[in-house]
Amino acid sequence: MNATKSRLIFHLIAIVTVIIWGTTFVSTKILIQNGLTPSEIFFYRFVLAYICMWSISRKKFFANSIKDEFLLLLAGLCGGTIYFLTENTALGITLASNVSLIVCTSPILTAFLSYLFKRNESFTRHLFYGSFMALIGVGLVVFNGSFILKINPLGDFLSLIAALMWAFYCLILKQLDSRYSTAFITRKVFFYGIMTILPVFLFRPLHWDISLMLQPVVWGNLFFLGIIASMFCFISWNACVKELGAVQSTSYIYIVPLVTLLTSAIIINEKITVIALSGCFLILCGVYLAERKISFTFSTKFKVYE
């Protein structure tokens, strides 16, 4: 397989990954409506994903050095616990449109931080203009014809923290991907995500209701979030960051609100306006512009197993 075809495959993998992530909003909302808290949903989905990861990655338990083990801990903390807790908490105290719009600044933050700390991924004009265009499109999709922006300092600050944590998560992956397999890194991220969420249950205990968990709508959505959206999607996303770079991969995050909009319209009959469709067009154009002239070092090797 030549480099061009391999590159295209990873772009397609990134697109499929963010499409799946774009549908998780509906599953999470359904689980919350059935009585689960955001922290419980995160815990169950990561535990399920971690258990399943042992089927493909169980030979290596610790990293090669204390420094790398600490980086894996940071990855689980940033891309798992802090990201999900800040985003879900923000959804409870401010408008969902605010949260979605602010979280979608993650690609810009990733590009800026990568250029600031590493300077090995170019912050080009195409990336800047494409990101700006896509962000405008995200705003149109998020507001979907209802331009209501209610400033809530705490909620908006938590949303910005979530975006920043995802940016740091992607950059941490790039520090590790040359030394470890994608599966090993992903399994460790789940492990440390679980470990770092446990202190939260000291303040709000985890409740186990067997009758609730046996309901098809509950275990079905947890299965989707744990196996598909967590295990498979974290593996695919980590592989894309490894092969395409943190900046280029993260640009596809702009597509998430587009998918959420379409999924919400199909499943919970939310209205789609002409303004939202215009936003979809801007997102696709912006992502294309941001991606088309960025040069990165690319490897055709896709190492998953130890």
C-alpha atoms as a PDB file:
ATOM      1  CA  MET A   1       0.000   0.000   0.000  1.00  0.00           C
ATOM      2  CA  ASN A   2       1.542   3.314  -1.048  1.00  0.00           C
ATOM      3  CA  ALA A   3       1.719   6.377   1.201  1.00  0.00           C
ATOM      4  CA  THR A   4      -1.103   8.235  -0.570  1.00  0.00           C
ATOM      5  CA  LYS A   5      -3.603   5.386  -0.198  1.00  0.00           C
ATOM      6  CA  SER A   6      -2.544   4.785   3.411  1.00  0.00           C
ATOM      7  CA  ARG A   7      -2.925   8.493   4.157  1.00  0.00           C
ATOM      8  CA  LEU A   8      -6.431   8.473   2.675  1.00  0.00           C
ATOM      9  CA  ILE A   9      -7.408   5.480   4.805  1.00  0.00           C
ATOM     10  CA  PHE A  10      -6.466   7.274   8.013  1.00  0.00           C
ATOM     11  CA  HIS A  11      -8.387  10.364   6.932  1.00  0.00           C
ATOM     12  CA  LEU A  12     -11.436   8.157   6.397  1.00  0.00           C
ATOM     13  CA  ILE A  13     -10.908   6.500   9.782  1.00  0.00           C
ATOM     14  CA  ALA A  14     -10.811   9.926  11.444  1.00  0.00           C
ATOM     15  CA  ILE A  15     -14.049  10.934   9.710  1.00  0.00           C
ATOM     16  CA  VAL A  16     -15.836   7.727  10.739  1.00  0.00           C
ATOM     17  CA  THR A  17     -14.594   8.184  14.320  1.00  0.00           C
ATOM     18  CA  VAL A  18     -15.946  11.705  14.706  1.00  0.00           C
ATOM     19  CA  ILE A  19     -19.216  10.661  13.038  1.00  0.00           C
ATOM     20  CA  ILE A  20     -19.675   8.028  15.746  1.00  0.00           C
ATOM     21  CA  TRP A  21     -18.719  10.525  18.451  1.00  0.00           C
ATOM     22  CA  GLY A  22     -21.269  12.932  17.028  1.00  0.00           C
ATOM     23  CA  THR A  23     -24.029  10.422  17.809  1.00  0.00           C
ATOM     24  CA  THR A  24     -22.982   9.891  21.442  1.00  0.00           C
ATOM     25  CA  PHE A  25     -24.840  13.018  22.541  1.00  0.00           C
ATOM     26  CA  VAL A  26     -28.151  11.258  21.974  1.00  0.00           C
ATOM     27  CA  SER A  27     -27.058   8.098  23.828  1.00  0.00           C
ATOM     28  CA  THR A  28     -25.758  10.104  26.773  1.00  0.00           C
ATOM     29  CA  LYS A  29     -28.956  12.136  26.910  1.00  0.00           C
ATOM     30  CA  ILE A  30     -31.062   8.954  26.922  1.00  0.00           C
ATOM     31  CA  LEU A  31     -29.021   7.477  29.791  1.00  0.00           C
ATOM     32  CA  ILE A  32     -29.316  10.670  31.840  1.00  0.00           C
ATOM     33  CA  GLN A  33     -33.074  10.638  31.281  1.00  0.00           C
ATOM     34  CA  ASN A  34     -33.108   7.083  32.638  1.00  0.00           C
ATOM     35  CA  GLY A  35     -31.428   8.090  35.888  1.00  0.00           C
ATOM     36  CA  LEU A  36     -27.664   7.787  35.366  1.00  0.00           C
ATOM     37  CA  THR A  37     -25.366  10.683  36.238  1.00  0.00           C
ATOM     38  CA  PRO A  38     -22.636  11.931  33.861  1.00  0.00           C
ATOM     39  CA  SER A  39     -19.887  10.558  36.143  1.00  0.00           C
ATOM     40  CA  GLU A  40     -21.607   7.152  36.303  1.00  0.00           C
ATOM     41  CA  ILE A  41     -21.970   7.039  32.523  1.00  0.00           C
ATOM     42  CA  PHE A  42     -18.273   7.845  32.116  1.00  0.00           C
ATOM     43  CA  PHE A  43     -17.264   5.203  34.680  1.00  0.00           C
ATOM     44  CA  TYR A  44     -19.377   2.417  33.177  1.00  0.00           C
ATOM     45  CA  ARG A  45     -18.329   3.101  29.583  1.00  0.00           C
ATOM     46  CA  PHE A  46     -14.619   3.229  30.460  1.00  0.00           C
ATOM     47  CA  VAL A  47     -14.786   0.089  32.627  1.00  0.00           C
ATOM     48  CA  LEU A  48     -16.527  -1.774  29.806  1.00  0.00           C
ATOM     49  CA  ALA A  49     -13.987  -0.510  27.277  1.00  0.00           C
ATOM     50  CA  TYR A  50     -11.041  -1.392  29.527  1.00  0.00           C
ATOM     51  CA  ILE A  51     -12.253  -4.953  30.096  1.00  0.00           C
ATOM     52  CA  CYS A  52     -12.686  -5.488  26.372  1.00  0.00           C
ATOM     53  CA  MET A  53      -9.246  -4.037  25.612  1.00  0.00           C
ATOM     54  CA  TRP A  54      -7.642  -6.985  27.428  1.00  0.00           C
ATOM     55  CA  SER A  55      -8.762  -9.236  24.577  1.00  0.00           C
ATOM     56  CA  ILE A  56      -6.326  -7.485  22.211  1.00  0.00           C
ATOM     57  CA  SER A  57      -3.741  -5.982  24.559  1.00  0.00           C
ATOM     58  CA  ARG A  58      -2.654  -7.905  27.658  1.00  0.00           C
ATOM     59  CA  LYS A  59       1.043  -8.696  27.245  1.00  0.00           C
ATOM     60  CA  LYS A  60       2.451  -5.401  28.475  1.00  0.00           C
ATOM     61  CA  PHE A  61       1.237  -3.851  31.719  1.00  0.00           C
ATOM     62  CA  PHE A  62       3.608  -0.979  32.511  1.00  0.00           C
ATOM     63  CA  ALA A  63       5.330   1.602  30.319  1.00  0.00           C
ATOM     64  CA  ASN A  64       9.077   1.463  29.750  1.00  0.00           C
ATOM     65  CA  SER A  65       9.788   4.340  32.117  1.00  0.00           C
ATOM     66  CA  ILE A  66       8.235   6.271  34.997  1.00  0.00           C
ATOM     67  CA  LYS A  67       8.075   9.338  32.762  1.00  0.00           C
ATOM     68  CA  ASP A  68       6.027   7.487  30.129  1.00  0.00           C
ATOM     69  CA  GLU A  69       3.760   6.009  32.798  1.00  0.00           C
ATOM     70  CA  PHE A  70       3.145   9.529  34.076  1.00  0.00           C
ATOM     71  CA  LEU A  71       2.338  10.706  30.548  1.00  0.00           C
ATOM     72  CA  LEU A  72      -0.194   7.883  30.240  1.00  0.00           C
ATOM     73  CA  LEU A  73      -1.708   8.992  33.530  1.00  0.00           C
ATOM     74  CA  LEU A  74      -1.986  12.541  32.162  1.00  0.00           C
ATOM     75  CA  ALA A  75      -3.588  11.196  28.976  1.00  0.00           C
ATOM     76  CA  GLY A  76      -6.248   9.344  30.975  1.00  0.00           C
ATOM     77  CA  LEU A  77      -6.810  12.397  33.156  1.00  0.00           C
ATOM     78  CA  CYS A  78      -6.971  14.943  30.319  1.00  0.00           C
ATOM     79  CA  GLY A  79      -8.716  12.916  27.597  1.00  0.00           C
ATOM     80  CA  GLY A  80     -10.922  11.025  30.030  1.00  0.00           C
ATOM     81  CA  THR A  81     -11.859  12.274  33.473  1.00  0.00           C
ATOM     82  CA  ILE A  82     -11.354  16.043  33.230  1.00  0.00           C
ATOM     83  CA  TYR A  83     -12.657  16.310  29.660  1.00  0.00           C
ATOM     84  CA  PHE A  84     -15.903  14.439  30.309  1.00  0.00           C
ATOM     85  CA  LEU A  85     -16.546  15.921  33.746  1.00  0.00           C
ATOM     86  CA  THR A  86     -16.011  19.527  32.672  1.00  0.00           C
ATOM     87  CA  GLU A  87     -18.072  19.129  29.501  1.00  0.00           C
ATOM     88  CA  ASN A  88     -20.973  17.339  31.203  1.00  0.00           C
ATOM     89  CA  THR A  89     -20.929  19.696  34.192  1.00  0.00           C
ATOM     90  CA  ALA A  90     -20.978  22.670  31.839  1.00  0.00           C
ATOM     91  CA  LEU A  91     -24.028  21.216  30.082  1.00  0.00           C
ATOM     92  CA  GLY A  92     -25.844  21.320  33.416  1.00  0.00           C
ATOM     93  CA  ILE A  93     -25.210  24.989  34.146  1.00  0.00           C
ATOM     94  CA  THR A  94     -25.095  26.740  30.781  1.00  0.00           C
ATOM     95  CA  LEU A  95     -26.665  26.443  27.331  1.00  0.00           C
ATOM     96  CA  ALA A  96     -25.754  23.357  25.321  1.00  0.00           C
ATOM     97  CA  SER A  97     -25.079  25.652  22.352  1.00  0.00           C
ATOM     98  CA  ASN A  98     -22.419  27.497  24.346  1.00  0.00           C
ATOM     99  CA  VAL A  99     -20.754  24.231  25.342  1.00  0.00           C
ATOM    100  CA  SER A 100     -20.760  22.792  21.828  1.00  0.00           C
ATOM    101  CA  LEU A 101     -19.371  25.961  20.301  1.00  0.00           C
ATOM    102  CA  ILE A 102     -16.586  26.405  22.866  1.00  0.00           C
ATOM    103  CA  VAL A 103     -15.563  22.724  22.862  1.00  0.00           C
ATOM    104  CA  CYS A 104     -15.171  22.941  19.087  1.00  0.00           C
ATOM    105  CA  THR A 105     -12.296  25.381  19.584  1.00  0.00           C
ATOM    106  CA  SER A 106     -10.203  22.310  20.429  1.00  0.00           C
ATOM    107  CA  PRO A 107      -8.677  22.024  16.912  1.00  0.00           C
ATOM    108  CA  ILE A 108      -7.486  25.633  17.063  1.00  0.00           C
ATOM    109  CA  LEU A 109      -6.095  25.131  20.573  1.00  0.00           C
ATOM    110  CA  THR A 110      -4.349  21.938  19.436  1.00  0.00           C
ATOM    111  CA  ALA A 111      -2.729  23.714  16.492  1.00  0.00           C
ATOM    112  CA  PHE A 112      -1.636  26.637  18.643  1.00  0.00           C
ATOM    113  CA  LEU A 113      -0.223  24.471  21.452  1.00  0.00           C
ATOM    114  CA  SER A 114       1.530  22.176  18.988  1.00  0.00           C
ATOM    115  CA  TYR A 115       3.182  25.131  17.295  1.00  0.00           C
ATOM    116  CA  LEU A 116       4.017  26.752  20.640  1.00  0.00           C
ATOM    117  CA  PHE A 117       5.590  23.700  22.310  1.00  0.00           C
ATOM    118  CA  LYS A 118       6.748  21.473  19.481  1.00  0.00           C
ATOM    119  CA  ARG A 119       6.937  23.596  16.306  1.00  0.00           C
ATOM    120  CA  ASN A 120       6.871  20.476  14.129  1.00  0.00           C
ATOM    121  CA  GLU A 121       3.355  20.853  12.743  1.00  0.00           C
ATOM    122  CA  SER A 122       2.843  23.963  10.646  1.00  0.00           C
ATOM    123  CA  PHE A 123       0.283  26.573  11.598  1.00  0.00           C
ATOM    124  CA  THR A 124      -0.373  27.626   7.999  1.00  0.00           C
ATOM    125  CA  ARG A 125      -2.727  30.187   6.518  1.00  0.00           C
ATOM    126  CA  HIS A 126      -4.818  27.378   5.068  1.00  0.00           C
ATOM    127  CA  LEU A 127      -5.193  25.867   8.519  1.00  0.00           C
ATOM    128  CA  PHE A 128      -6.105  29.243  10.031  1.00  0.00           C
ATOM    129  CA  TYR A 129      -8.657  30.196   7.381  1.00  0.00           C
ATOM    130  CA  GLY A 130     -10.097  26.694   7.233  1.00  0.00           C
ATOM    131  CA  SER A 131     -10.457  26.530  11.015  1.00  0.00           C
ATOM    132  CA  PHE A 132     -12.070  29.958  11.114  1.00  0.00           C
ATOM    133  CA  MET A 133     -14.552  28.992   8.393  1.00  0.00           C
ATOM    134  CA  ALA A 134     -15.376  25.695  10.097  1.00  0.00           C
ATOM    135  CA  LEU A 135     -15.840  27.418  13.467  1.00  0.00           C
ATOM    136  CA  ILE A 136     -18.348  29.835  11.930  1.00  0.00           C
ATOM    137  CA  GLY A 137     -20.137  26.825  10.474  1.00  0.00           C
ATOM    138  CA  VAL A 138     -20.148  25.166  13.891  1.00  0.00           C
ATOM    139  CA  GLY A 139     -21.773  28.276  15.337  1.00  0.00           C
ATOM    140  CA  LEU A 140     -24.552  28.184  12.722  1.00  0.00           C
ATOM    141  CA  VAL A 141     -25.143  24.467  13.296  1.00  0.00           C
ATOM    142  CA  VAL A 142     -25.129  24.787  17.084  1.00  0.00           C
ATOM    143  CA  PHE A 143     -27.572  27.676  17.210  1.00  0.00           C
ATOM    144  CA  ASN A 144     -29.649  26.157  14.375  1.00  0.00           C
ATOM    145  CA  GLY A 145     -31.623  29.324  13.653  1.00  0.00           C
ATOM    146  CA  SER A 146     -32.068  30.355  17.283  1.00  0.00           C
ATOM    147  CA  PHE A 147     -29.374  32.896  18.043  1.00  0.00           C
ATOM    148  CA  ILE A 148     -29.431  32.864  21.820  1.00  0.00           C
ATOM    149  CA  LEU A 149     -26.118  33.322  23.590  1.00  0.00           C
ATOM    150  CA  LYS A 150     -26.383  33.427  27.363  1.00  0.00           C
ATOM    151  CA  ILE A 151     -23.097  34.165  29.041  1.00  0.00           C
ATOM    152  CA  ASN A 152     -22.418  31.953  32.052  1.00  0.00           C
ATOM    153  CA  PRO A 153     -18.827  32.496  33.224  1.00  0.00           C
ATOM    154  CA  LEU A 154     -18.476  29.189  35.100  1.00  0.00           C
ATOM    155  CA  GLY A 155     -20.152  27.045  32.435  1.00  0.00           C
ATOM    156  CA  ASP A 156     -18.252  28.682  29.592  1.00  0.00           C
ATOM    157  CA  PHE A 157     -14.976  28.391  31.517  1.00  0.00           C
ATOM    158  CA  LEU A 158     -15.563  24.666  32.083  1.00  0.00           C
ATOM    159  CA  SER A 159     -16.290  24.238  28.364  1.00  0.00           C
ATOM    160  CA  LEU A 160     -13.004  25.937  27.518  1.00  0.00           C
ATOM    161  CA  ILE A 161     -11.193  23.652  29.973  1.00  0.00           C
ATOM    162  CA  ALA A 162     -12.743  20.636  28.200  1.00  0.00           C
ATOM    163  CA  ALA A 163     -11.499  21.883  24.824  1.00  0.00           C
ATOM    164  CA  LEU A 164      -8.046  22.532  26.269  1.00  0.00           C
ATOM    165  CA  MET A 165      -7.907  19.072  27.861  1.00  0.00           C
ATOM    166  CA  TRP A 166      -8.669  17.380  24.544  1.00  0.00           C
ATOM    167  CA  ALA A 167      -5.939  19.413  22.879  1.00  0.00           C
ATOM    168  CA  PHE A 168      -3.438  18.357  25.559  1.00  0.00           C
ATOM    169  CA  TYR A 169      -4.610  14.745  25.220  1.00  0.00           C
ATOM    170  CA  CYS A 170      -3.815  14.685  21.511  1.00  0.00           C
ATOM    171  CA  LEU A 171      -0.409  16.263  22.071  1.00  0.00           C
ATOM    172  CA  ILE A 172       0.425  13.761  24.832  1.00  0.00           C
ATOM    173  CA  LEU A 173      -0.381  10.930  22.420  1.00  0.00           C
ATOM    174  CA  LYS A 174       2.250  12.250  20.026  1.00  0.00           C
ATOM    175  CA  GLN A 175       4.843  11.998  22.814  1.00  0.00           C
ATOM    176  CA  LEU A 176       4.101   8.287  23.235  1.00  0.00           C
ATOM    177  CA  ASP A 177       3.113   6.872  19.851  1.00  0.00           C
ATOM    178  CA  SER A 178       6.633   6.164  18.629  1.00  0.00           C
ATOM    179  CA  ARG A 179       7.392   3.903  21.604  1.00  0.00           C
ATOM    180  CA  TYR A 180       4.136   2.019  22.227  1.00  0.00           C
ATOM    181  CA  SER A 181       1.369   0.351  20.262  1.00  0.00           C
ATOM    182  CA  THR A 182      -1.967   2.055  19.777  1.00  0.00           C
ATOM    183  CA  ALA A 183      -3.747  -0.676  21.738  1.00  0.00           C
ATOM    184  CA  PHE A 184      -1.413  -0.384  24.739  1.00  0.00           C
ATOM    185  CA  ILE A 185      -1.800   3.406  24.907  1.00  0.00           C
ATOM    186  CA  THR A 186      -5.585   3.159  24.556  1.00  0.00           C
ATOM    187  CA  ARG A 187      -5.860   0.532  27.305  1.00  0.00           C
ATOM    188  CA  LYS A 188      -3.766   2.626  29.677  1.00  0.00           C
ATOM    189  CA  VAL A 189      -5.881   5.714  28.927  1.00  0.00           C
ATOM    190  CA  PHE A 190      -8.991   3.783  29.950  1.00  0.00           C
ATOM    191  CA  PHE A 191      -7.265   2.479  33.086  1.00  0.00           C
ATOM    192  CA  TYR A 192      -6.152   5.892  34.282  1.00  0.00           C
ATOM    193  CA  GLY A 193      -9.483   7.404  33.311  1.00  0.00           C
ATOM    194  CA  ILE A 194     -11.159   4.929  35.663  1.00  0.00           C
ATOM    195  CA  MET A 195      -8.616   5.515  38.442  1.00  0.00           C
ATOM    196  CA  THR A 196      -8.907   9.304  38.313  1.00  0.00           C
ATOM    197  CA  ILE A 197     -12.731   9.323  38.343  1.00  0.00           C
ATOM    198  CA  LEU A 198     -12.887   7.274  41.580  1.00  0.00           C
ATOM    199  CA  PRO A 199     -12.244  10.250  43.933  1.00  0.00           C
ATOM    200  CA  VAL A 200     -15.371  11.918  42.527  1.00  0.00           C
ATOM    201  CA  PHE A 201     -17.479   9.113  44.009  1.00  0.00           C
ATOM    202  CA  LEU A 202     -16.285  10.051  47.492  1.00  0.00           C
ATOM    203  CA  PHE A 203     -18.446  13.165  47.173  1.00  0.00           C
ATOM    204  CA  ARG A 204     -21.220  11.652  45.065  1.00  0.00           C
ATOM    205  CA  PRO A 205     -21.332   7.864  45.595  1.00  0.00           C
ATOM    206  CA  LEU A 206     -21.755   5.509  42.663  1.00  0.00           C
ATOM    207  CA  HIS A 207     -25.194   3.875  42.764  1.00  0.00           C
ATOM    208  CA  TRP A 208     -25.647   0.389  41.316  1.00  0.00           C
ATOM    209  CA  ASP A 209     -29.235  -0.460  40.414  1.00  0.00           C
ATOM    210  CA  ILE A 210     -29.382  -3.903  38.797  1.00  0.00           C
ATOM    211  CA  SER A 211     -32.967  -3.449  37.622  1.00  0.00           C
ATOM    212  CA  LEU A 212     -31.976  -0.206  35.901  1.00  0.00           C
ATOM    213  CA  MET A 213     -28.870  -1.693  34.297  1.00  0.00           C
ATOM    214  CA  LEU A 214     -30.854  -4.631  32.889  1.00  0.00           C
ATOM    215  CA  GLN A 215     -33.198  -2.370  30.955  1.00  0.00           C
ATOM    216  CA  PRO A 216     -32.469  -2.777  27.210  1.00  0.00           C
ATOM    217  CA  VAL A 217     -32.368   0.995  26.612  1.00  0.00           C
ATOM    218  CA  VAL A 218     -29.719   1.362  29.360  1.00  0.00           C
ATOM    219  CA  TRP A 219     -27.383  -1.556  28.632  1.00  0.00           C
ATOM    220  CA  GLY A 220     -27.810  -1.014  24.901  1.00  0.00           C
ATOM    221  CA  ASN A 221     -26.644   2.591  25.069  1.00  0.00           C
ATOM    222  CA  LEU A 222     -23.864   1.727  27.530  1.00  0.00           C
ATOM    223  CA  PHE A 223     -22.685  -1.000  25.150  1.00  0.00           C
ATOM    224  CA  PHE A 224     -22.613   1.536  22.312  1.00  0.00           C
ATOM    225  CA  LEU A 225     -20.743   4.120  24.399  1.00  0.00           C
ATOM    226  CA  GLY A 226     -18.335   1.600  25.946  1.00  0.00           C
ATOM    227  CA  ILE A 227     -17.507  -0.684  23.026  1.00  0.00           C
ATOM    228  CA  ILE A 228     -18.104   1.386  19.911  1.00  0.00           C
ATOM    229  CA  ALA A 229     -17.646   5.024  20.990  1.00  0.00           C
ATOM    230  CA  SER A 230     -14.912   4.317  23.561  1.00  0.00           C
ATOM    231  CA  MET A 231     -12.905   1.184  22.778  1.00  0.00           C
ATOM    232  CA  PHE A 232     -13.018   1.156  18.977  1.00  0.00           C
ATOM    233  CA  CYS A 233     -13.134   4.930  18.540  1.00  0.00           C
ATOM    234  CA  PHE A 234     -10.284   5.631  20.959  1.00  0.00           C
ATOM    235  CA  ILE A 235      -8.179   3.022  19.167  1.00  0.00           C
ATOM    236  CA  SER A 236      -8.967   4.528  15.775  1.00  0.00           C
ATOM    237  CA  TRP A 237      -8.510   8.106  16.984  1.00  0.00           C
ATOM    238  CA  ASN A 238      -5.193   7.348  18.678  1.00  0.00           C
ATOM    239  CA  ALA A 239      -4.027   5.634  15.491  1.00  0.00           C
ATOM    240  CA  CYS A 240      -5.017   8.668  13.421  1.00  0.00           C
ATOM    241  CA  VAL A 241      -3.162  11.040  15.754  1.00  0.00           C
ATOM    242  CA  LYS A 242      -0.164   8.710  15.517  1.00  0.00           C
ATOM    243  CA  GLU A 243      -0.148   8.672  11.722  1.00  0.00           C
ATOM    244  CA  LEU A 244      -1.596  12.065  10.704  1.00  0.00           C
ATOM    245  CA  GLY A 245      -0.477  14.259  13.594  1.00  0.00           C
ATOM    246  CA  ALA A 246      -2.398  15.928  16.406  1.00  0.00           C
ATOM    247  CA  VAL A 247      -3.301  19.078  14.467  1.00  0.00           C
ATOM    248  CA  GLN A 248      -4.524  17.424  11.296  1.00  0.00           C
ATOM    249  CA  SER A 249      -6.552  14.761  13.103  1.00  0.00           C
ATOM    250  CA  THR A 250      -8.178  17.195  15.514  1.00  0.00           C
ATOM    251  CA  SER A 251      -9.480  19.342  12.648  1.00  0.00           C
ATOM    252  CA  TYR A 252     -12.149  16.702  12.077  1.00  0.00           C
ATOM    253  CA  ILE A 253     -13.693  17.552  15.476  1.00  0.00           C
ATOM    254  CA  TYR A 254     -15.538  20.332  13.650  1.00  0.00           C
ATOM    255  CA  ILE A 255     -17.726  17.656  12.046  1.00  0.00           C
ATOM    256  CA  VAL A 256     -19.123  16.465  15.409  1.00  0.00           C
ATOM    257  CA  PRO A 257     -21.869  19.156  15.725  1.00  0.00           C
ATOM    258  CA  LEU A 258     -22.932  18.430  12.148  1.00  0.00           C
ATOM    259  CA  VAL A 259     -23.431  14.740  12.951  1.00  0.00           C
ATOM    260  CA  THR A 260     -25.171  15.562  16.237  1.00  0.00           C
ATOM    261  CA  LEU A 261     -27.570  17.858  14.378  1.00  0.00           C
ATOM    262  CA  LEU A 262     -28.504  15.167  11.850  1.00  0.00           C
ATOM    263  CA  THR A 263     -28.757  12.433  14.487  1.00  0.00           C
ATOM    264  CA  SER A 264     -30.980  14.572  16.711  1.00  0.00           C
ATOM    265  CA  ALA A 265     -33.242  15.326  13.756  1.00  0.00           C
ATOM    266  CA  ILE A 266     -33.606  11.627  12.911  1.00  0.00           C
ATOM    267  CA  ILE A 267     -33.951  10.174  16.428  1.00  0.00           C
ATOM    268  CA  ILE A 268     -35.545  12.910  18.546  1.00  0.00           C
ATOM    269  CA  ASN A 269     -37.135  14.937  15.734  1.00  0.00           C
ATOM    270  CA  GLU A 270     -35.267  18.182  16.284  1.00  0.00           C
ATOM    271  CA  LYS A 271     -35.769  20.837  13.605  1.00  0.00           C
ATOM    272  CA  ILE A 272     -33.083  21.601  11.017  1.00  0.00           C
ATOM    273  CA  THR A 273     -33.110  25.134   9.574  1.00  0.00           C
ATOM    274  CA  VAL A 274     -31.588  26.644   6.450  1.00  0.00           C
ATOM    275  CA  ILE A 275     -29.078  28.409   8.695  1.00  0.00           C
ATOM    276  CA  ALA A 276     -27.946  25.068  10.133  1.00  0.00           C
ATOM    277  CA  LEU A 277     -27.567  23.608   6.646  1.00  0.00           C
ATOM    278  CA  SER A 278     -25.455  26.627   5.694  1.00  0.00           C
ATOM    279  CA  GLY A 279     -23.322  25.884   8.738  1.00  0.00           C
ATOM    280  CA  CYS A 280     -22.886  22.280   7.579  1.00  0.00           C
ATOM    281  CA  PHE A 281     -21.609  23.530   4.230  1.00  0.00           C
ATOM    282  CA  LEU A 282     -19.128  25.893   5.901  1.00  0.00           C
ATOM    283  CA  ILE A 283     -17.869  23.111   8.190  1.00  0.00           C
ATOM    284  CA  LEU A 284     -17.156  20.787   5.269  1.00  0.00           C
ATOM    285  CA  CYS A 285     -15.476  23.547   3.262  1.00  0.00           C
ATOM    286  CA  GLY A 286     -13.454  24.670   6.267  1.00  0.00           C
ATOM    287  CA  VAL A 287     -12.215  21.165   7.075  1.00  0.00           C
ATOM    288  CA  TYR A 288     -11.233  20.645   3.438  1.00  0.00           C
ATOM    289  CA  LEU A 289      -9.371  23.954   3.329  1.00  0.00           C
ATOM    290  CA  ALA A 290      -7.586  23.272   6.623  1.00  0.00           C
ATOM    291  CA  GLU A 291      -6.484  19.794   5.501  1.00  0.00           C
ATOM    292  CA  ARG A 292      -5.547  20.214   1.859  1.00  0.00           C
ATOM    293  CA  LYS A 293      -2.135  21.910   2.100  1.00  0.00           C
ATOM    294  CA  ILE A 294      -0.667  20.850   5.400  1.00  0.00           C
ATOM    295  CA  SER A 295       2.472  18.729   5.090  1.00  0.00           C
ATOM    296  CA  PHE A 296       3.189  16.187   7.817  1.00  0.00           C
ATOM    297  CA  THR A 297       5.557  13.295   8.200  1.00  0.00           C
ATOM    298  CA  PHE A 298       3.576  10.146   7.525  1.00  0.00           C
ATOM    299  CA  SER A 299       4.225   6.496   8.243  1.00  0.00           C
ATOM    300  CA  THR A 300       2.328   3.667   6.598  1.00  0.00           C
ATOM    301  CA  LYS A 301       2.767   1.387   9.599  1.00  0.00           C
ATOM    302  CA  PHE A 302      -0.357   0.895  11.722  1.00  0.00           C
ATOM    303  CA  LYS A 303       0.879  -0.879  14.832  1.00  0.00           C
ATOM    304  CA  VAL A 304      -1.952  -2.022  17.095  1.00  0.00           C
ATOM    305  CA  TYR A 305      -0.706  -5.143  18.839  1.00  0.00           C
ATOM    306  CA  GLU A 306       2.353  -5.470  21.033  1.00  0.00           C
END
